[in-house]
């Protein structure tokens, strides 16, 4: 016969088990997607995508620091970019076809110019390596969510 005390002890042991999902929970930041620049399967090569300084609603963003995330397979790369007020229509240096070569690993490179004027836009170069070739790649511009 099992006593009520034994059942309660077992339940209490389960209730006090705590799992840590993040080593430093305070370092986790929420972000808001401002614009998706790339979404699709790409072959190995060096690419560049132009961000015109606008959000998904086609409105110019506010000056400030933005994050550019490149997702490929199971990894994410991030760079910080700085948007300044003003500018004129910029030079769109987008390369939609890969520049072939021996590209090794996937990488998100620093935008140019940096910092950039919002109305001028900025070019964001990136490399798709063998580790992500043929996989779905997504590049998004994000803003850290205010707490």
N, C-alpha and C. Protein backbone atom coordinates (compact mmCIF):
# COMPACT_ATOMS: atom_id res chain seq x y z
N UNK A 1 0.84 -1.18 0.00
CA UNK A 1 0.00 0.00 0.00
C UNK A 1 0.89 1.24 0.00
N UNK A 2 0.55 2.20 -0.85
CA UNK A 2 1.33 3.43 -0.95
C UNK A 2 0.66 4.49 -0.09
N UNK A 3 1.46 5.14 0.71
CA UNK A 3 0.90 6.18 1.59
C UNK A 3 0.82 7.51 0.83
N UNK A 4 -0.03 8.40 1.33
CA UNK A 4 -0.16 9.74 0.73
C UNK A 4 1.14 10.51 0.86
N UNK A 5 1.87 10.29 1.90
CA UNK A 5 3.14 10.98 2.13
C UNK A 5 4.14 10.66 1.01
N UNK A 6 4.23 9.42 0.59
CA UNK A 6 5.15 9.03 -0.48
C UNK A 6 4.76 9.68 -1.80
N UNK A 7 3.50 9.77 -2.08
CA UNK A 7 3.04 10.40 -3.32
C UNK A 7 3.37 11.88 -3.30
N UNK A 8 3.13 12.56 -2.21
CA UNK A 8 3.43 13.98 -2.11
C UNK A 8 4.92 14.25 -2.24
N UNK A 9 5.76 13.41 -1.66
CA UNK A 9 7.21 13.60 -1.77
C UNK A 9 7.64 13.51 -3.22
N UNK A 10 7.11 12.55 -3.95
CA UNK A 10 7.44 12.43 -5.37
C UNK A 10 7.01 13.64 -6.16
N UNK A 11 5.86 14.16 -5.87
CA UNK A 11 5.36 15.34 -6.57
C UNK A 11 6.23 16.55 -6.24
N UNK A 12 6.60 16.71 -4.98
CA UNK A 12 7.44 17.83 -4.59
C UNK A 12 8.79 17.80 -5.29
N UNK A 13 9.35 16.62 -5.45
CA UNK A 13 10.63 16.51 -6.15
C UNK A 13 10.51 16.99 -7.59
N UNK A 14 9.42 16.69 -8.22
CA UNK A 14 9.21 17.13 -9.60
C UNK A 14 9.01 18.64 -9.64
N UNK A 15 8.29 19.20 -8.72
CA UNK A 15 8.00 20.62 -8.71
C UNK A 15 9.22 21.48 -8.45
N UNK A 16 10.21 20.98 -7.76
CA UNK A 16 11.37 21.81 -7.46
C UNK A 16 12.50 21.65 -8.48
N UNK A 17 12.27 20.90 -9.52
CA UNK A 17 13.26 20.77 -10.58
C UNK A 17 13.18 22.01 -11.46
N UNK A 18 14.30 22.71 -11.61
CA UNK A 18 14.36 23.94 -12.39
C UNK A 18 15.36 23.75 -13.52
N UNK A 19 14.98 24.12 -14.72
CA UNK A 19 15.86 24.01 -15.87
C UNK A 19 16.29 25.41 -16.29
N UNK A 20 17.55 25.56 -16.61
CA UNK A 20 18.06 26.83 -17.10
C UNK A 20 18.12 26.76 -18.62
N UNK A 21 17.43 27.67 -19.28
CA UNK A 21 17.41 27.70 -20.74
C UNK A 21 18.47 28.62 -21.32
N UNK A 22 18.94 29.56 -20.53
CA UNK A 22 19.93 30.51 -21.00
C UNK A 22 20.90 30.79 -19.87
N UNK A 23 22.20 30.82 -20.18
CA UNK A 23 23.18 31.08 -19.14
C UNK A 23 23.00 32.47 -18.54
N UNK A 24 22.65 33.45 -19.35
CA UNK A 24 22.48 34.82 -18.87
C UNK A 24 21.17 35.38 -19.42
N UNK A 25 20.04 35.09 -18.77
CA UNK A 25 18.74 35.51 -19.31
C UNK A 25 18.63 37.01 -19.55
N UNK A 26 19.37 37.84 -18.79
CA UNK A 26 19.28 39.28 -18.98
C UNK A 26 19.92 39.71 -20.31
N UNK A 27 20.72 38.84 -20.94
CA UNK A 27 21.35 39.19 -22.21
C UNK A 27 20.44 38.93 -23.41
N UNK A 28 19.30 38.28 -23.20
CA UNK A 28 18.37 38.00 -24.29
C UNK A 28 17.58 39.27 -24.61
N UNK A 29 17.62 39.70 -25.88
CA UNK A 29 16.93 40.91 -26.30
C UNK A 29 15.84 40.55 -27.29
N UNK A 30 14.71 41.22 -27.17
CA UNK A 30 13.65 41.04 -28.15
C UNK A 30 13.87 42.03 -29.28
N UNK A 31 13.60 41.59 -30.50
CA UNK A 31 13.75 42.47 -31.65
C UNK A 31 12.47 42.48 -32.47
N UNK A 32 12.32 43.55 -33.24
CA UNK A 32 11.18 43.72 -34.13
C UNK A 32 11.72 43.71 -35.56
N UNK A 33 11.12 42.93 -36.44
CA UNK A 33 11.54 42.91 -37.84
C UNK A 33 11.05 44.20 -38.50
N UNK A 34 12.00 44.95 -39.06
CA UNK A 34 11.69 46.19 -39.75
C UNK A 34 11.47 45.93 -41.24
N UNK A 35 12.34 45.10 -41.82
CA UNK A 35 12.24 44.79 -43.26
C UNK A 35 12.96 43.48 -43.55
N UNK A 36 12.35 42.66 -44.39
CA UNK A 36 13.01 41.45 -44.88
C UNK A 36 13.62 41.79 -46.23
N UNK A 37 14.94 41.62 -46.34
CA UNK A 37 15.66 41.97 -47.55
C UNK A 37 15.87 40.79 -48.49
N UNK A 38 16.06 39.60 -47.93
CA UNK A 38 16.31 38.39 -48.72
C UNK A 38 15.57 37.24 -48.08
N UNK A 39 14.92 36.42 -48.89
CA UNK A 39 14.34 35.16 -48.42
C UNK A 39 14.31 34.21 -49.61
N UNK A 40 15.16 33.20 -49.54
CA UNK A 40 15.20 32.24 -50.64
C UNK A 40 16.43 31.36 -50.58
N UNK A 41 16.49 30.43 -51.52
CA UNK A 41 17.63 29.51 -51.60
C UNK A 41 18.69 30.13 -52.50
N UNK A 42 19.91 30.17 -52.00
CA UNK A 42 21.02 30.76 -52.73
C UNK A 42 22.16 29.75 -52.88
N UNK A 43 22.89 29.89 -53.96
CA UNK A 43 24.08 29.06 -54.18
C UNK A 43 25.29 29.76 -53.57
N UNK A 44 26.41 29.05 -53.48
CA UNK A 44 27.62 29.67 -52.93
C UNK A 44 28.01 30.88 -53.77
N UNK A 45 28.56 31.88 -53.10
CA UNK A 45 29.02 33.08 -53.79
C UNK A 45 28.95 34.29 -52.90
N UNK A 46 29.47 35.40 -53.41
CA UNK A 46 29.42 36.67 -52.69
C UNK A 46 28.28 37.49 -53.28
N UNK A 47 27.44 38.02 -52.42
CA UNK A 47 26.27 38.79 -52.82
C UNK A 47 26.29 40.15 -52.12
N UNK A 48 25.43 41.05 -52.56
CA UNK A 48 25.20 42.31 -51.88
C UNK A 48 23.72 42.64 -52.02
N UNK A 49 23.13 43.13 -50.95
CA UNK A 49 21.73 43.54 -50.99
C UNK A 49 21.66 45.00 -50.53
N UNK A 50 20.81 45.78 -51.18
CA UNK A 50 20.66 47.20 -50.87
C UNK A 50 19.44 47.40 -49.99
N UNK A 51 19.62 48.09 -48.86
CA UNK A 51 18.48 48.48 -48.02
C UNK A 51 18.24 49.96 -48.25
N UNK A 52 17.04 50.31 -48.67
CA UNK A 52 16.69 51.69 -49.00
C UNK A 52 16.30 52.54 -47.80
N UNK A 53 16.49 52.03 -46.59
CA UNK A 53 16.18 52.79 -45.38
C UNK A 53 14.69 52.80 -45.05
N UNK A 54 13.91 51.95 -45.71
CA UNK A 54 12.47 51.92 -45.49
C UNK A 54 12.05 50.63 -44.79
N UNK A 55 10.90 50.72 -44.09
CA UNK A 55 10.35 49.55 -43.40
C UNK A 55 9.41 48.79 -44.35
N UNK A 56 8.73 47.78 -43.83
CA UNK A 56 7.82 46.97 -44.65
C UNK A 56 6.65 47.79 -45.19
N UNK A 57 6.34 48.93 -44.54
CA UNK A 57 5.25 49.81 -45.01
C UNK A 57 5.74 50.85 -46.00
N UNK A 58 7.01 50.73 -46.42
CA UNK A 58 7.63 51.64 -47.38
C UNK A 58 7.81 53.06 -46.83
N UNK A 59 7.97 53.18 -45.51
CA UNK A 59 8.23 54.47 -44.86
C UNK A 59 9.67 54.47 -44.36
N UNK A 60 10.33 55.64 -44.45
CA UNK A 60 11.69 55.75 -43.95
C UNK A 60 11.71 55.51 -42.44
N UNK A 61 12.74 54.81 -41.98
CA UNK A 61 12.88 54.51 -40.55
C UNK A 61 13.43 55.73 -39.82
N UNK A 62 13.39 55.67 -38.50
CA UNK A 62 13.96 56.72 -37.66
C UNK A 62 15.47 56.52 -37.55
N UNK A 63 16.23 57.61 -37.33
CA UNK A 63 17.67 57.44 -37.10
C UNK A 63 17.91 56.55 -35.88
N UNK A 64 19.02 55.83 -35.88
CA UNK A 64 19.34 54.97 -34.75
C UNK A 64 20.16 53.76 -35.17
N UNK A 65 20.32 52.85 -34.22
CA UNK A 65 21.07 51.62 -34.46
C UNK A 65 20.11 50.50 -34.83
N UNK A 66 20.45 49.78 -35.87
CA UNK A 66 19.64 48.66 -36.34
C UNK A 66 20.51 47.41 -36.39
N UNK A 67 19.87 46.26 -36.35
CA UNK A 67 20.56 44.98 -36.45
C UNK A 67 20.22 44.36 -37.79
N UNK A 68 21.21 43.78 -38.44
CA UNK A 68 20.96 43.01 -39.65
C UNK A 68 21.28 41.57 -39.30
N UNK A 69 20.30 40.68 -39.50
CA UNK A 69 20.46 39.26 -39.19
C UNK A 69 20.45 38.46 -40.48
N UNK A 70 21.39 37.54 -40.59
CA UNK A 70 21.42 36.58 -41.68
C UNK A 70 21.18 35.21 -41.06
N UNK A 71 20.07 34.58 -41.44
CA UNK A 71 19.76 33.21 -41.01
C UNK A 71 20.10 32.27 -42.16
N UNK A 72 20.81 31.23 -41.85
CA UNK A 72 21.10 30.21 -42.86
C UNK A 72 21.23 28.88 -42.14
N UNK A 73 20.37 27.96 -42.49
CA UNK A 73 20.34 26.64 -41.84
C UNK A 73 20.06 26.80 -40.35
N UNK A 74 21.04 26.46 -39.55
CA UNK A 74 20.83 26.50 -38.09
C UNK A 74 21.66 27.58 -37.41
N UNK A 75 22.15 28.56 -38.17
CA UNK A 75 22.96 29.59 -37.53
C UNK A 75 22.49 30.98 -37.94
N UNK A 76 22.86 31.97 -37.11
CA UNK A 76 22.49 33.35 -37.33
C UNK A 76 23.73 34.23 -37.21
N UNK A 77 23.88 35.16 -38.14
CA UNK A 77 24.94 36.16 -38.06
C UNK A 77 24.27 37.50 -37.83
N UNK A 78 24.97 38.41 -37.15
CA UNK A 78 24.40 39.72 -36.84
C UNK A 78 25.46 40.79 -36.99
N UNK A 79 25.06 41.93 -37.59
CA UNK A 79 25.89 43.13 -37.56
C UNK A 79 25.00 44.28 -37.09
N UNK A 80 25.63 45.29 -36.52
CA UNK A 80 24.93 46.52 -36.13
C UNK A 80 25.24 47.58 -37.17
N UNK A 81 24.21 48.32 -37.56
CA UNK A 81 24.40 49.40 -38.52
C UNK A 81 23.77 50.66 -37.95
N UNK A 82 24.31 51.81 -38.36
CA UNK A 82 23.86 53.09 -37.82
C UNK A 82 23.22 53.92 -38.92
N UNK A 83 21.98 54.30 -38.70
CA UNK A 83 21.22 55.12 -39.65
C UNK A 83 21.19 56.56 -39.15
N UNK A 84 21.62 57.49 -40.00
CA UNK A 84 21.61 58.91 -39.67
C UNK A 84 20.52 59.62 -40.47
N UNK A 85 20.04 60.74 -39.97
CA UNK A 85 19.00 61.51 -40.65
C UNK A 85 19.52 62.05 -41.98
N UNK A 86 18.63 62.20 -42.95
CA UNK A 86 18.93 62.87 -44.21
C UNK A 86 19.41 61.96 -45.30
N UNK A 87 20.02 62.60 -46.32
CA UNK A 87 20.57 61.86 -47.45
C UNK A 87 19.79 62.07 -48.72
N UNK A 88 20.37 61.57 -49.80
CA UNK A 88 19.73 61.59 -51.11
C UNK A 88 19.74 60.16 -51.63
N UNK A 89 19.01 59.90 -52.70
CA UNK A 89 18.95 58.54 -53.24
C UNK A 89 20.35 57.99 -53.43
N UNK A 90 20.59 56.82 -52.84
CA UNK A 90 21.93 56.24 -52.84
C UNK A 90 22.19 55.33 -54.02
N UNK A 91 23.41 54.84 -54.07
CA UNK A 91 23.82 53.92 -55.13
C UNK A 91 23.46 52.51 -54.72
N UNK A 92 22.58 51.90 -55.48
CA UNK A 92 22.15 50.53 -55.20
C UNK A 92 23.18 49.58 -55.81
N UNK A 93 23.92 48.92 -54.91
CA UNK A 93 25.00 48.03 -55.32
C UNK A 93 24.59 46.57 -55.19
N UNK A 94 23.28 46.29 -55.26
CA UNK A 94 22.81 44.91 -55.09
C UNK A 94 23.35 44.00 -56.18
N UNK A 95 23.77 42.84 -55.77
CA UNK A 95 24.22 41.81 -56.70
C UNK A 95 23.30 40.62 -56.50
N UNK A 96 22.42 40.38 -57.46
CA UNK A 96 21.48 39.28 -57.30
C UNK A 96 22.05 37.96 -57.78
N UNK A 97 23.06 38.02 -58.64
CA UNK A 97 23.71 36.79 -59.11
C UNK A 97 24.99 36.59 -58.30
N UNK A 98 25.30 35.36 -57.95
CA UNK A 98 26.50 35.13 -57.15
C UNK A 98 27.78 35.43 -57.93
N UNK A 99 28.78 35.95 -57.21
CA UNK A 99 30.12 36.10 -57.76
C UNK A 99 30.83 34.81 -57.38
N UNK A 100 31.16 34.00 -58.37
CA UNK A 100 31.67 32.67 -58.08
C UNK A 100 33.12 32.70 -57.61
N UNK A 101 33.47 31.72 -56.81
CA UNK A 101 34.82 31.58 -56.29
C UNK A 101 34.81 30.52 -55.21
N UNK A 102 35.86 30.45 -54.45
CA UNK A 102 35.94 29.52 -53.33
C UNK A 102 35.53 30.27 -52.07
N UNK A 103 34.30 30.09 -51.61
CA UNK A 103 33.75 30.95 -50.58
C UNK A 103 33.71 30.35 -49.18
N UNK A 104 34.14 29.17 -48.95
CA UNK A 104 34.25 28.63 -47.59
C UNK A 104 32.97 28.70 -46.80
N UNK A 105 32.97 29.52 -45.73
CA UNK A 105 31.84 29.60 -44.80
C UNK A 105 30.97 30.82 -45.06
N UNK A 106 29.71 30.71 -44.66
CA UNK A 106 28.76 31.81 -44.78
C UNK A 106 29.16 32.93 -43.83
N UNK A 107 28.97 34.17 -44.29
CA UNK A 107 29.38 35.31 -43.48
C UNK A 107 28.56 36.53 -43.86
N UNK A 108 28.24 37.36 -42.88
CA UNK A 108 27.57 38.64 -43.10
C UNK A 108 28.63 39.71 -42.91
N UNK A 109 28.87 40.53 -43.94
CA UNK A 109 29.94 41.53 -43.90
C UNK A 109 29.37 42.89 -43.51
N UNK A 110 30.24 43.82 -43.12
CA UNK A 110 29.79 45.15 -42.69
C UNK A 110 29.22 45.93 -43.87
N UNK A 111 28.14 46.63 -43.60
CA UNK A 111 27.49 47.44 -44.64
C UNK A 111 28.40 48.60 -45.06
N UNK A 112 28.11 49.18 -46.23
CA UNK A 112 28.81 50.38 -46.66
C UNK A 112 27.84 51.27 -47.41
N UNK A 113 27.84 52.58 -47.15
CA UNK A 113 28.68 53.22 -46.14
C UNK A 113 28.17 52.93 -44.73
N UNK A 114 29.03 53.12 -43.74
CA UNK A 114 28.68 52.95 -42.34
C UNK A 114 29.36 54.04 -41.53
N UNK A 115 28.62 54.93 -40.86
CA UNK A 115 27.15 54.99 -40.84
C UNK A 115 26.62 55.46 -42.20
N UNK A 116 25.30 55.36 -42.36
CA UNK A 116 24.70 55.76 -43.63
C UNK A 116 23.54 56.71 -43.37
N UNK A 117 23.23 57.52 -44.38
CA UNK A 117 22.07 58.42 -44.32
C UNK A 117 20.84 57.64 -44.74
N UNK A 118 19.75 57.78 -43.98
CA UNK A 118 18.55 56.97 -44.20
C UNK A 118 18.05 57.05 -45.64
N UNK A 119 17.90 58.28 -46.16
CA UNK A 119 17.35 58.41 -47.51
C UNK A 119 18.32 57.94 -48.59
N UNK A 120 19.60 57.74 -48.25
CA UNK A 120 20.59 57.25 -49.22
C UNK A 120 20.66 55.73 -49.25
N UNK A 121 20.29 55.08 -48.15
CA UNK A 121 20.34 53.63 -48.08
C UNK A 121 21.76 53.11 -47.86
N UNK A 122 21.89 51.80 -47.81
CA UNK A 122 23.19 51.18 -47.58
C UNK A 122 23.25 49.81 -48.25
N UNK A 123 24.43 49.43 -48.65
CA UNK A 123 24.67 48.12 -49.26
C UNK A 123 25.18 47.17 -48.20
N UNK A 124 24.64 45.96 -48.17
CA UNK A 124 25.01 44.96 -47.17
C UNK A 124 25.54 43.73 -47.91
N UNK A 125 26.87 43.54 -47.90
CA UNK A 125 27.44 42.37 -48.57
C UNK A 125 27.39 41.13 -47.68
N UNK A 126 27.29 39.97 -48.31
CA UNK A 126 27.30 38.72 -47.56
C UNK A 126 27.82 37.60 -48.44
N UNK A 127 28.30 36.56 -47.79
CA UNK A 127 28.84 35.39 -48.49
C UNK A 127 28.01 34.18 -48.11
N UNK A 128 27.62 33.41 -49.11
CA UNK A 128 26.98 32.11 -48.87
C UNK A 128 28.03 31.06 -49.16
N UNK A 129 28.41 30.34 -48.12
CA UNK A 129 29.43 29.31 -48.26
C UNK A 129 28.83 27.94 -48.48
N UNK A 130 29.70 26.96 -48.54
CA UNK A 130 29.26 25.57 -48.72
C UNK A 130 28.33 25.12 -47.60
N UNK A 131 28.50 25.71 -46.40
CA UNK A 131 27.69 25.31 -45.24
C UNK A 131 26.23 25.70 -45.38
N UNK A 132 25.88 26.60 -46.31
CA UNK A 132 24.49 27.03 -46.46
C UNK A 132 24.00 26.98 -47.90
N UNK A 133 24.81 26.51 -48.81
CA UNK A 133 24.44 26.48 -50.23
C UNK A 133 23.17 25.67 -50.44
N UNK A 134 22.24 26.26 -51.18
CA UNK A 134 20.99 25.57 -51.51
C UNK A 134 19.97 25.57 -50.39
N UNK A 135 20.33 26.12 -49.24
CA UNK A 135 19.40 26.19 -48.11
C UNK A 135 18.66 27.53 -48.16
N UNK A 136 17.54 27.62 -47.46
CA UNK A 136 16.82 28.88 -47.38
C UNK A 136 17.61 29.86 -46.53
N UNK A 137 17.84 31.04 -47.08
CA UNK A 137 18.58 32.10 -46.40
C UNK A 137 17.61 33.27 -46.22
N UNK A 138 17.69 33.91 -45.06
CA UNK A 138 16.85 35.08 -44.81
C UNK A 138 17.71 36.17 -44.20
N UNK A 139 17.59 37.38 -44.75
CA UNK A 139 18.29 38.53 -44.19
C UNK A 139 17.23 39.55 -43.82
N UNK A 140 17.25 39.96 -42.55
CA UNK A 140 16.27 40.92 -42.05
C UNK A 140 16.96 42.08 -41.36
N UNK A 141 16.32 43.25 -41.43
CA UNK A 141 16.74 44.41 -40.65
C UNK A 141 15.83 44.44 -39.44
N UNK A 142 16.42 44.60 -38.27
CA UNK A 142 15.65 44.56 -37.02
C UNK A 142 16.01 45.74 -36.12
N UNK A 143 15.14 45.97 -35.16
CA UNK A 143 15.35 47.00 -34.14
C UNK A 143 15.13 46.34 -32.80
N UNK A 144 16.02 46.64 -31.82
CA UNK A 144 15.81 46.10 -30.48
C UNK A 144 14.56 46.73 -29.89
N UNK A 145 13.75 45.90 -29.26
CA UNK A 145 12.49 46.35 -28.67
C UNK A 145 12.78 47.09 -27.38
N UNK A 146 12.17 48.26 -27.21
CA UNK A 146 12.31 49.02 -25.96
C UNK A 146 11.62 48.28 -24.84
N UNK A 147 12.24 48.32 -23.67
CA UNK A 147 11.64 47.59 -22.54
C UNK A 147 10.61 48.42 -21.83
